[in-house]
Amino acid sequence: MVVGLSGREPRGVLKALAAARRCSPAQLAVAWLLSRGDDIVPVVGMSRPDRVAENLQAFDITLTDEEQFTLDSAFSPDAIISYRYPAIVMKFAAR
């Protein structure tokens, strides 16, 4: 894990790594998705034309093994999946 990122919420990890790489969080997110295999195709929506050129720069980003591991850990299902309601409410909602 990259020093100083342990215990941070996923978006915080993404922002910190992007700042260290001097790229936008969106660019880093797309680069990470591109690195996950040929069966993963990022679908990126952009509301402004200038974002197209910015996000295409993600193809020039190569993640280190440590960065890959950090992002994989930060965005693992265990890190991002949560219940919609607090446990006490879920107890009654599941009935």
PDB file of N, CA and C in Angstrom:
ATOM      1  N   MET A   1       0.848  -1.179   0.000  1.00  0.00           N
ATOM      2  CA  MET A   1       0.000   0.000   0.000  1.00  0.00           C
ATOM      3  C   MET A   1       0.888   1.234   0.000  1.00  0.00           C
ATOM      4  N   VAL A   2       0.518   2.220  -0.763  1.00  0.00           N
ATOM      5  CA  VAL A   2       1.275   3.461  -0.819  1.00  0.00           C
ATOM      6  C   VAL A   2       1.212   4.134   0.545  1.00  0.00           C
ATOM      7  N   VAL A   3       2.351   4.594   1.032  1.00  0.00           N
ATOM      8  CA  VAL A   3       2.441   5.191   2.360  1.00  0.00           C
ATOM      9  C   VAL A   3       1.466   6.352   2.485  1.00  0.00           C
ATOM     10  N   GLY A   4       0.740   6.375   3.599  1.00  0.00           N
ATOM     11  CA  GLY A   4      -0.179   7.469   3.880  1.00  0.00           C
ATOM     12  C   GLY A   4      -1.578   7.277   3.340  1.00  0.00           C
ATOM     13  N   LEU A   5      -1.833   6.199   2.612  1.00  0.00           N
ATOM     14  CA  LEU A   5      -3.158   5.998   2.036  1.00  0.00           C
ATOM     15  C   LEU A   5      -3.982   4.964   2.787  1.00  0.00           C
ATOM     16  N   SER A   6      -3.374   4.270   3.715  1.00  0.00           N
ATOM     17  CA  SER A   6      -4.079   3.235   4.460  1.00  0.00           C
ATOM     18  C   SER A   6      -5.244   3.838   5.238  1.00  0.00           C
ATOM     19  N   GLY A   7      -6.397   3.217   5.145  1.00  0.00           N
ATOM     20  CA  GLY A   7      -7.561   3.645   5.907  1.00  0.00           C
ATOM     21  C   GLY A   7      -8.341   4.799   5.297  1.00  0.00           C
ATOM     22  N   ARG A   8      -7.958   5.271   4.137  1.00  0.00           N
ATOM     23  CA  ARG A   8      -8.691   6.361   3.499  1.00  0.00           C
ATOM     24  C   ARG A   8      -9.842   5.795   2.686  1.00  0.00           C
ATOM     25  N   GLU A   9     -10.872   6.606   2.528  1.00  0.00           N
ATOM     26  CA  GLU A   9     -11.992   6.175   1.705  1.00  0.00           C
ATOM     27  C   GLU A   9     -11.543   6.122   0.243  1.00  0.00           C
ATOM     28  N   PRO A  10     -12.198   5.310  -0.584  1.00  0.00           N
ATOM     29  CA  PRO A  10     -11.730   5.074  -1.954  1.00  0.00           C
ATOM     30  C   PRO A  10     -11.489   6.338  -2.783  1.00  0.00           C
ATOM     31  N   ARG A  11     -12.416   7.295  -2.726  1.00  0.00           N
ATOM     32  CA  ARG A  11     -12.207   8.519  -3.516  1.00  0.00           C
ATOM     33  C   ARG A  11     -10.980   9.283  -3.047  1.00  0.00           C
ATOM     34  N   GLY A  12     -10.727   9.264  -1.739  1.00  0.00           N
ATOM     35  CA  GLY A  12      -9.543   9.931  -1.199  1.00  0.00           C
ATOM     36  C   GLY A  12      -8.263   9.294  -1.703  1.00  0.00           C
ATOM     37  N   VAL A  13      -8.265   7.966  -1.782  1.00  0.00           N
ATOM     38  CA  VAL A  13      -7.103   7.246  -2.318  1.00  0.00           C
ATOM     39  C   VAL A  13      -6.888   7.629  -3.779  1.00  0.00           C
ATOM     40  N   LEU A  14      -7.962   7.633  -4.557  1.00  0.00           N
ATOM     41  CA  LEU A  14      -7.869   7.985  -5.975  1.00  0.00           C
ATOM     42  C   LEU A  14      -7.339   9.407  -6.148  1.00  0.00           C
ATOM     43  N   LYS A  15      -7.875  10.347  -5.375  1.00  0.00           N
ATOM     44  CA  LYS A  15      -7.436  11.743  -5.481  1.00  0.00           C
ATOM     45  C   LYS A  15      -5.969  11.897  -5.089  1.00  0.00           C
ATOM     46  N   ALA A  16      -5.552  11.217  -4.027  1.00  0.00           N
ATOM     47  CA  ALA A  16      -4.161  11.318  -3.570  1.00  0.00           C
ATOM     48  C   ALA A  16      -3.193  10.742  -4.606  1.00  0.00           C
ATOM     49  N   LEU A  17      -3.534   9.586  -5.165  1.00  0.00           N
ATOM     50  CA  LEU A  17      -2.669   8.996  -6.198  1.00  0.00           C
ATOM     51  C   LEU A  17      -2.628   9.864  -7.453  1.00  0.00           C
ATOM     52  N   ALA A  18      -3.778  10.427  -7.827  1.00  0.00           N
ATOM     53  CA  ALA A  18      -3.823  11.294  -9.006  1.00  0.00           C
ATOM     54  C   ALA A  18      -2.961  12.537  -8.791  1.00  0.00           C
ATOM     55  N   ALA A  19      -3.034  13.111  -7.608  1.00  0.00           N
ATOM     56  CA  ALA A  19      -2.211  14.289  -7.309  1.00  0.00           C
ATOM     57  C   ALA A  19      -0.727  13.935  -7.381  1.00  0.00           C
ATOM     58  N   ALA A  20      -0.368  12.770  -6.859  1.00  0.00           N
ATOM     59  CA  ALA A  20       1.032  12.329  -6.900  1.00  0.00           C
ATOM     60  C   ALA A  20       1.499  12.094  -8.335  1.00  0.00           C
ATOM     61  N   ARG A  21       0.595  11.622  -9.180  1.00  0.00           N
ATOM     62  CA  ARG A  21       0.934  11.355 -10.590  1.00  0.00           C
ATOM     63  C   ARG A  21       0.783  12.587 -11.474  1.00  0.00           C
ATOM     64  N   ARG A  22       0.238  13.664 -10.915  1.00  0.00           N
ATOM     65  CA  ARG A  22      -0.034  14.902 -11.655  1.00  0.00           C
ATOM     66  C   ARG A  22      -0.987  14.654 -12.830  1.00  0.00           C
ATOM     67  N   CYS A  23      -2.067  13.959 -12.504  1.00  0.00           N
ATOM     68  CA  CYS A  23      -3.123  13.734 -13.479  1.00  0.00           C
ATOM     69  C   CYS A  23      -4.454  13.915 -12.752  1.00  0.00           C
ATOM     70  N   SER A  24      -5.535  13.904 -13.489  1.00  0.00           N
ATOM     71  CA  SER A  24      -6.841  14.052 -12.846  1.00  0.00           C
ATOM     72  C   SER A  24      -7.288  12.698 -12.285  1.00  0.00           C
ATOM     73  N   PRO A  25      -8.156  12.722 -11.274  1.00  0.00           N
ATOM     74  CA  PRO A  25      -8.701  11.455 -10.772  1.00  0.00           C
ATOM     75  C   PRO A  25      -9.405  10.661 -11.876  1.00  0.00           C
ATOM     76  N   ALA A  26     -10.074  11.362 -12.790  1.00  0.00           N
ATOM     77  CA  ALA A  26     -10.750  10.669 -13.895  1.00  0.00           C
ATOM     78  C   ALA A  26      -9.747   9.949 -14.787  1.00  0.00           C
ATOM     79  N   GLN A  27      -8.637  10.612 -15.096  1.00  0.00           N
ATOM     80  CA  GLN A  27      -7.608   9.977 -15.923  1.00  0.00           C
ATOM     81  C   GLN A  27      -7.056   8.737 -15.234  1.00  0.00           C
ATOM     82  N   LEU A  28      -6.793   8.856 -13.944  1.00  0.00           N
ATOM     83  CA  LEU A  28      -6.244   7.721 -13.205  1.00  0.00           C
ATOM     84  C   LEU A  28      -7.252   6.580 -13.134  1.00  0.00           C
ATOM     85  N   ALA A  29      -8.521   6.913 -12.926  1.00  0.00           N
ATOM     86  CA  ALA A  29      -9.559   5.877 -12.865  1.00  0.00           C
ATOM     87  C   ALA A  29      -9.661   5.129 -14.193  1.00  0.00           C
ATOM     88  N   VAL A  30      -9.627   5.861 -15.293  1.00  0.00           N
ATOM     89  CA  VAL A  30      -9.695   5.221 -16.613  1.00  0.00           C
ATOM     90  C   VAL A  30      -8.449   4.373 -16.849  1.00  0.00           C
ATOM     91  N   ALA A  31      -7.279   4.890 -16.483  1.00  0.00           N
ATOM     92  CA  ALA A  31      -6.033   4.123 -16.636  1.00  0.00           C
ATOM     93  C   ALA A  31      -6.096   2.832 -15.825  1.00  0.00           C
ATOM     94  N   TRP A  32      -6.634   2.913 -14.612  1.00  0.00           N
ATOM     95  CA  TRP A  32      -6.760   1.729 -13.765  1.00  0.00           C
ATOM     96  C   TRP A  32      -7.699   0.711 -14.412  1.00  0.00           C
ATOM     97  N   LEU A  33      -8.837   1.178 -14.916  1.00  0.00           N
ATOM     98  CA  LEU A  33      -9.769   0.255 -15.570  1.00  0.00           C
ATOM     99  C   LEU A  33      -9.148  -0.373 -16.815  1.00  0.00           C
ATOM    100  N   LEU A  34      -8.416   0.416 -17.586  1.00  0.00           N
ATOM    101  CA  LEU A  34      -7.749  -0.122 -18.782  1.00  0.00           C
ATOM    102  C   LEU A  34      -6.721  -1.187 -18.426  1.00  0.00           C
ATOM    103  N   SER A  35      -6.119  -1.061 -17.252  1.00  0.00           N
ATOM    104  CA  SER A  35      -5.069  -2.007 -16.848  1.00  0.00           C
ATOM    105  C   SER A  35      -5.625  -3.324 -16.317  1.00  0.00           C
ATOM    106  N   ARG A  36      -6.921  -3.408 -16.132  1.00  0.00           N
ATOM    107  CA  ARG A  36      -7.517  -4.577 -15.492  1.00  0.00           C
ATOM    108  C   ARG A  36      -7.770  -5.743 -16.441  1.00  0.00           C
ATOM    109  N   GLY A  37      -7.499  -5.565 -17.712  1.00  0.00           N
ATOM    110  CA  GLY A  37      -7.649  -6.679 -18.643  1.00  0.00           C
ATOM    111  C   GLY A  37      -8.402  -6.277 -19.893  1.00  0.00           C
ATOM    112  N   ASP A  38      -8.255  -7.107 -20.916  1.00  0.00           N
ATOM    113  CA  ASP A  38      -8.896  -6.821 -22.195  1.00  0.00           C
ATOM    114  C   ASP A  38     -10.409  -6.997 -22.154  1.00  0.00           C
ATOM    115  N   ASP A  39     -10.914  -7.659 -21.115  1.00  0.00           N
ATOM    116  CA  ASP A  39     -12.354  -7.863 -21.015  1.00  0.00           C
ATOM    117  C   ASP A  39     -13.047  -6.735 -20.251  1.00  0.00           C
ATOM    118  N   ILE A  40     -12.292  -5.722 -19.835  1.00  0.00           N
ATOM    119  CA  ILE A  40     -12.845  -4.557 -19.150  1.00  0.00           C
ATOM    120  C   ILE A  40     -12.754  -3.372 -20.102  1.00  0.00           C
ATOM    121  N   VAL A  41     -13.894  -2.766 -20.407  1.00  0.00           N
ATOM    122  CA  VAL A  41     -13.925  -1.618 -21.307  1.00  0.00           C
ATOM    123  C   VAL A  41     -14.575  -0.451 -20.571  1.00  0.00           C
ATOM    124  N   PRO A  42     -13.782   0.555 -20.205  1.00  0.00           N
ATOM    125  CA  PRO A  42     -14.367   1.710 -19.521  1.00  0.00           C
ATOM    126  C   PRO A  42     -15.319   2.468 -20.446  1.00  0.00           C
ATOM    127  N   VAL A  43     -16.476   2.803 -19.941  1.00  0.00           N
ATOM    128  CA  VAL A  43     -17.427   3.635 -20.670  1.00  0.00           C
ATOM    129  C   VAL A  43     -17.440   4.976 -19.947  1.00  0.00           C
ATOM    130  N   VAL A  44     -16.875   5.974 -20.594  1.00  0.00           N
ATOM    131  CA  VAL A  44     -16.675   7.268 -19.951  1.00  0.00           C
ATOM    132  C   VAL A  44     -17.652   8.277 -20.528  1.00  0.00           C
ATOM    133  N   GLY A  45     -18.420   8.900 -19.662  1.00  0.00           N
ATOM    134  CA  GLY A  45     -19.338   9.950 -20.086  1.00  0.00           C
ATOM    135  C   GLY A  45     -18.734  11.310 -19.774  1.00  0.00           C
ATOM    136  N   MET A  46     -18.795  12.194 -20.723  1.00  0.00           N
ATOM    137  CA  MET A  46     -18.226  13.527 -20.522  1.00  0.00           C
ATOM    138  C   MET A  46     -19.250  14.569 -20.923  1.00  0.00           C
ATOM    139  N   SER A  47     -19.366  15.601 -20.105  1.00  0.00           N
ATOM    140  CA  SER A  47     -20.343  16.645 -20.386  1.00  0.00           C
ATOM    141  C   SER A  47     -19.743  17.829 -21.144  1.00  0.00           C
ATOM    142  N   ARG A  48     -18.419  17.866 -21.230  1.00  0.00           N
ATOM    143  CA  ARG A  48     -17.760  18.971 -21.931  1.00  0.00           C
ATOM    144  C   ARG A  48     -16.749  18.418 -22.929  1.00  0.00           C
ATOM    145  N   PRO A  49     -16.688  19.011 -24.120  1.00  0.00           N
ATOM    146  CA  PRO A  49     -15.762  18.522 -25.149  1.00  0.00           C
ATOM    147  C   PRO A  49     -14.300  18.506 -24.711  1.00  0.00           C
ATOM    148  N   ASP A  50     -13.874  19.465 -23.886  1.00  0.00           N
ATOM    149  CA  ASP A  50     -12.469  19.487 -23.471  1.00  0.00           C
ATOM    150  C   ASP A  50     -12.105  18.289 -22.599  1.00  0.00           C
ATOM    151  N   ARG A  51     -13.087  17.645 -22.017  1.00  0.00           N
ATOM    152  CA  ARG A  51     -12.824  16.459 -21.198  1.00  0.00           C
ATOM    153  C   ARG A  51     -12.436  15.254 -22.056  1.00  0.00           C
ATOM    154  N   VAL A  52     -12.845  15.244 -23.314  1.00  0.00           N
ATOM    155  CA  VAL A  52     -12.500  14.130 -24.201  1.00  0.00           C
ATOM    156  C   VAL A  52     -10.983  14.029 -24.331  1.00  0.00           C
ATOM    157  N   ALA A  53     -10.342  15.133 -24.686  1.00  0.00           N
ATOM    158  CA  ALA A  53      -8.879  15.138 -24.841  1.00  0.00           C
ATOM    159  C   ALA A  53      -8.200  14.809 -23.522  1.00  0.00           C
ATOM    160  N   GLU A  54      -8.737  15.360 -22.433  1.00  0.00           N
ATOM    161  CA  GLU A  54      -8.151  15.093 -21.110  1.00  0.00           C
ATOM    162  C   GLU A  54      -8.209  13.607 -20.773  1.00  0.00           C
ATOM    163  N   ASN A  55      -9.364  13.000 -20.979  1.00  0.00           N
ATOM    164  CA  ASN A  55      -9.515  11.592 -20.612  1.00  0.00           C
ATOM    165  C   ASN A  55      -8.773  10.648 -21.552  1.00  0.00           C
ATOM    166  N   LEU A  56      -8.530  11.062 -22.777  1.00  0.00           N
ATOM    167  CA  LEU A  56      -7.737  10.229 -23.688  1.00  0.00           C
ATOM    168  C   LEU A  56      -6.292  10.104 -23.224  1.00  0.00           C
ATOM    169  N   GLN A  57      -5.843  11.045 -22.408  1.00  0.00           N
ATOM    170  CA  GLN A  57      -4.485  10.972 -21.871  1.00  0.00           C
ATOM    171  C   GLN A  57      -4.318   9.790 -20.915  1.00  0.00           C
ATOM    172  N   ALA A  58      -5.409   9.198 -20.493  1.00  0.00           N
ATOM    173  CA  ALA A  58      -5.341   8.017 -19.625  1.00  0.00           C
ATOM    174  C   ALA A  58      -4.598   6.876 -20.306  1.00  0.00           C
ATOM    175  N   PHE A  59      -4.630   6.838 -21.629  1.00  0.00           N
ATOM    176  CA  PHE A  59      -3.927   5.782 -22.362  1.00  0.00           C
ATOM    177  C   PHE A  59      -2.410   5.893 -22.220  1.00  0.00           C
ATOM    178  N   ASP A  60      -1.927   7.063 -21.803  1.00  0.00           N
ATOM    179  CA  ASP A  60      -0.484   7.275 -21.634  1.00  0.00           C
ATOM    180  C   ASP A  60      -0.011   6.978 -20.215  1.00  0.00           C
ATOM    181  N   ILE A  61      -0.926   6.623 -19.330  1.00  0.00           N
ATOM    182  CA  ILE A  61      -0.574   6.369 -17.930  1.00  0.00           C
ATOM    183  C   ILE A  61      -0.358   4.878 -17.727  1.00  0.00           C
ATOM    184  N   THR A  62       0.806   4.521 -17.220  1.00  0.00           N
ATOM    185  CA  THR A  62       1.108   3.140 -16.857  1.00  0.00           C
ATOM    186  C   THR A  62       1.254   3.087 -15.345  1.00  0.00           C
ATOM    187  N   LEU A  63       0.427   2.293 -14.717  1.00  0.00           N
ATOM    188  CA  LEU A  63       0.448   2.185 -13.261  1.00  0.00           C
ATOM    189  C   LEU A  63       1.563   1.262 -12.796  1.00  0.00           C
ATOM    190  N   THR A  64       2.171   1.611 -11.676  1.00  0.00           N
ATOM    191  CA  THR A  64       3.142   0.710 -11.054  1.00  0.00           C
ATOM    192  C   THR A  64       2.372  -0.418 -10.380  1.00  0.00           C
ATOM    193  N   ASP A  65       3.066  -1.492 -10.044  1.00  0.00           N
ATOM    194  CA  ASP A  65       2.415  -2.595  -9.331  1.00  0.00           C
ATOM    195  C   ASP A  65       1.837  -2.109  -8.008  1.00  0.00           C
ATOM    196  N   GLU A  66       2.552  -1.217  -7.338  1.00  0.00           N
ATOM    197  CA  GLU A  66       2.091  -0.695  -6.050  1.00  0.00           C
ATOM    198  C   GLU A  66       0.822   0.151  -6.215  1.00  0.00           C
ATOM    199  N   GLU A  67       0.778   0.978  -7.249  1.00  0.00           N
ATOM    200  CA  GLU A  67      -0.420   1.784  -7.501  1.00  0.00           C
ATOM    201  C   GLU A  67      -1.603   0.891  -7.861  1.00  0.00           C
ATOM    202  N   GLN A  68      -1.339  -0.118  -8.675  1.00  0.00           N
ATOM    203  CA  GLN A  68      -2.388  -1.066  -9.056  1.00  0.00           C
ATOM    204  C   GLN A  68      -2.955  -1.746  -7.814  1.00  0.00           C
ATOM    205  N   PHE A  69      -2.078  -2.226  -6.948  1.00  0.00           N
ATOM    206  CA  PHE A  69      -2.506  -2.889  -5.718  1.00  0.00           C
ATOM    207  C   PHE A  69      -3.306  -1.937  -4.836  1.00  0.00           C
ATOM    208  N   THR A  70      -2.840  -0.702  -4.720  1.00  0.00           N
ATOM    209  CA  THR A  70      -3.520   0.285  -3.884  1.00  0.00           C
ATOM    210  C   THR A  70      -4.932   0.555  -4.395  1.00  0.00           C
ATOM    211  N   LEU A  71      -5.077   0.736  -5.700  1.00  0.00           N
ATOM    212  CA  LEU A  71      -6.406   0.986  -6.264  1.00  0.00           C
ATOM    213  C   LEU A  71      -7.283  -0.256  -6.182  1.00  0.00           C
ATOM    214  N   ASP A  72      -6.708  -1.427  -6.454  1.00  0.00           N
ATOM    215  CA  ASP A  72      -7.474  -2.672  -6.322  1.00  0.00           C
ATOM    216  C   ASP A  72      -8.005  -2.828  -4.902  1.00  0.00           C
ATOM    217  N   SER A  73      -7.179  -2.515  -3.920  1.00  0.00           N
ATOM    218  CA  SER A  73      -7.582  -2.640  -2.517  1.00  0.00           C
ATOM    219  C   SER A  73      -8.630  -1.601  -2.145  1.00  0.00           C
ATOM    220  N   ALA A  74      -8.410  -0.363  -2.588  1.00  0.00           N
ATOM    221  CA  ALA A  74      -9.331   0.725  -2.239  1.00  0.00           C
ATOM    222  C   ALA A  74     -10.718   0.507  -2.826  1.00  0.00           C
ATOM    223  N   PHE A  75     -10.776  -0.095  -4.011  1.00  0.00           N
ATOM    224  CA  PHE A  75     -12.053  -0.288  -4.681  1.00  0.00           C
ATOM    225  C   PHE A  75     -12.491  -1.753  -4.710  1.00  0.00           C
ATOM    226  N   SER A  76     -11.982  -2.546  -3.775  1.00  0.00           N
ATOM    227  CA  SER A  76     -12.421  -3.943  -3.688  1.00  0.00           C
ATOM    228  C   SER A  76     -13.884  -3.962  -3.251  1.00  0.00           C
ATOM    229  N   PRO A  77     -14.624  -5.006  -3.592  1.00  0.00           N
ATOM    230  CA  PRO A  77     -16.023  -5.073  -3.162  1.00  0.00           C
ATOM    231  C   PRO A  77     -16.195  -4.883  -1.655  1.00  0.00           C
ATOM    232  N   ASP A  78     -15.277  -5.426  -0.865  1.00  0.00           N
ATOM    233  CA  ASP A  78     -15.381  -5.270   0.586  1.00  0.00           C
ATOM    234  C   ASP A  78     -15.260  -3.814   1.015  1.00  0.00           C
ATOM    235  N   ALA A  79     -14.532  -3.024   0.246  1.00  0.00           N
ATOM    236  CA  ALA A  79     -14.309  -1.622   0.609  1.00  0.00           C
ATOM    237  C   ALA A  79     -15.452  -0.713   0.182  1.00  0.00           C
ATOM    238  N   ILE A  80     -16.205  -1.101  -0.846  1.00  0.00           N
ATOM    239  CA  ILE A  80     -17.202  -0.169  -1.371  1.00  0.00           C
ATOM    240  C   ILE A  80     -18.650  -0.610  -1.223  1.00  0.00           C
ATOM    241  N   ILE A  81     -18.886  -1.882  -0.958  1.00  0.00           N
ATOM    242  CA  ILE A  81     -20.264  -2.350  -0.818  1.00  0.00           C
ATOM    243  C   ILE A  81     -20.737  -2.091   0.601  1.00  0.00           C
ATOM    244  N   SER A  82     -21.910  -1.516   0.697  1.00  0.00           N
ATOM    245  CA  SER A  82     -22.490  -1.286   2.016  1.00  0.00           C
ATOM    246  C   SER A  82     -23.996  -1.480   1.920  1.00  0.00           C
ATOM    247  N   TYR A  83     -24.621  -1.557   3.065  1.00  0.00           N
ATOM    248  CA  TYR A  83     -26.069  -1.676   3.094  1.00  0.00           C
ATOM    249  C   TYR A  83     -26.692  -0.313   2.879  1.00  0.00           C
ATOM    250  N   ARG A  84     -27.881  -0.327   2.343  1.00  0.00           N
ATOM    251  CA  ARG A  84     -28.583   0.921   2.078  1.00  0.00           C
ATOM    252  C   ARG A  84     -28.991   1.616   3.371  1.00  0.00           C
ATOM    253  N   TYR A  85     -29.322   0.824   4.372  1.00  0.00           N
ATOM    254  CA  TYR A  85     -29.793   1.364   5.642  1.00  0.00           C
ATOM    255  C   TYR A  85     -28.923   0.840   6.778  1.00  0.00           C
ATOM    256  N   PRO A  86     -28.950   1.502   7.935  1.00  0.00           N
ATOM    257  CA  PRO A  86     -28.223   0.991   9.101  1.00  0.00           C
ATOM    258  C   PRO A  86     -28.716  -0.410   9.475  1.00  0.00           C
ATOM    259  N   ALA A  87     -27.885  -1.171  10.171  1.00  0.00           N
ATOM    260  CA  ALA A  87     -28.190  -2.565  10.517  1.00  0.00           C
ATOM    261  C   ALA A  87     -29.529  -2.705  11.223  1.00  0.00           C
ATOM    262  N   ILE A  88     -29.838  -1.812  12.133  1.00  0.00           N
ATOM    263  CA  ILE A  88     -31.104  -1.917  12.874  1.00  0.00           C
ATOM    264  C   ILE A  88     -32.302  -1.783  11.938  1.00  0.00           C
ATOM    265  N   VAL A  89     -32.204  -0.933  10.941  1.00  0.00           N
ATOM    266  CA  VAL A  89     -33.288  -0.757   9.979  1.00  0.00           C
ATOM    267  C   VAL A  89     -33.358  -1.965   9.051  1.00  0.00           C
ATOM    268  N   MET A  90     -32.209  -2.495   8.638  1.00  0.00           N
ATOM    269  CA  MET A  90     -32.182  -3.669   7.767  1.00  0.00           C
ATOM    270  C   MET A  90     -32.849  -4.865   8.426  1.00  0.00           C
ATOM    271  N   LYS A  91     -32.752  -4.928   9.736  1.00  0.00           N
ATOM    272  CA  LYS A  91     -33.374  -6.018  10.484  1.00  0.00           C
ATOM    273  C   LYS A  91     -34.876  -6.063  10.219  1.00  0.00           C
ATOM    274  N   PHE A  92     -35.481  -4.898  10.123  1.00  0.00           N
ATOM    275  CA  PHE A  92     -36.927  -4.823   9.900  1.00  0.00           C
ATOM    276  C   PHE A  92     -37.279  -4.754   8.418  1.00  0.00           C
ATOM    277  N   ALA A  93     -36.405  -4.214   7.603  1.00  0.00           N
ATOM    278  CA  ALA A  93     -36.670  -4.052   6.176  1.00  0.00           C
ATOM    279  C   ALA A  93     -36.657  -5.388   5.443  1.00  0.00           C
ATOM    280  N   ALA A  94     -35.934  -6.353   5.961  1.00  0.00           N
ATOM    281  CA  ALA A  94     -35.801  -7.650   5.298  1.00  0.00           C
ATOM    282  C   ALA A  94     -37.018  -8.540   5.498  1.00  0.00           C
ATOM    283  N   ARG A  95     -37.957  -8.098   6.268  1.00  0.00           N
ATOM    284  CA  ARG A  95     -39.149  -8.924   6.546  1.00  0.00           C
ATOM    285  C   ARG A  95     -40.143  -8.892   5.439  1.00  0.00           C
TER     286      ARG A  95
END
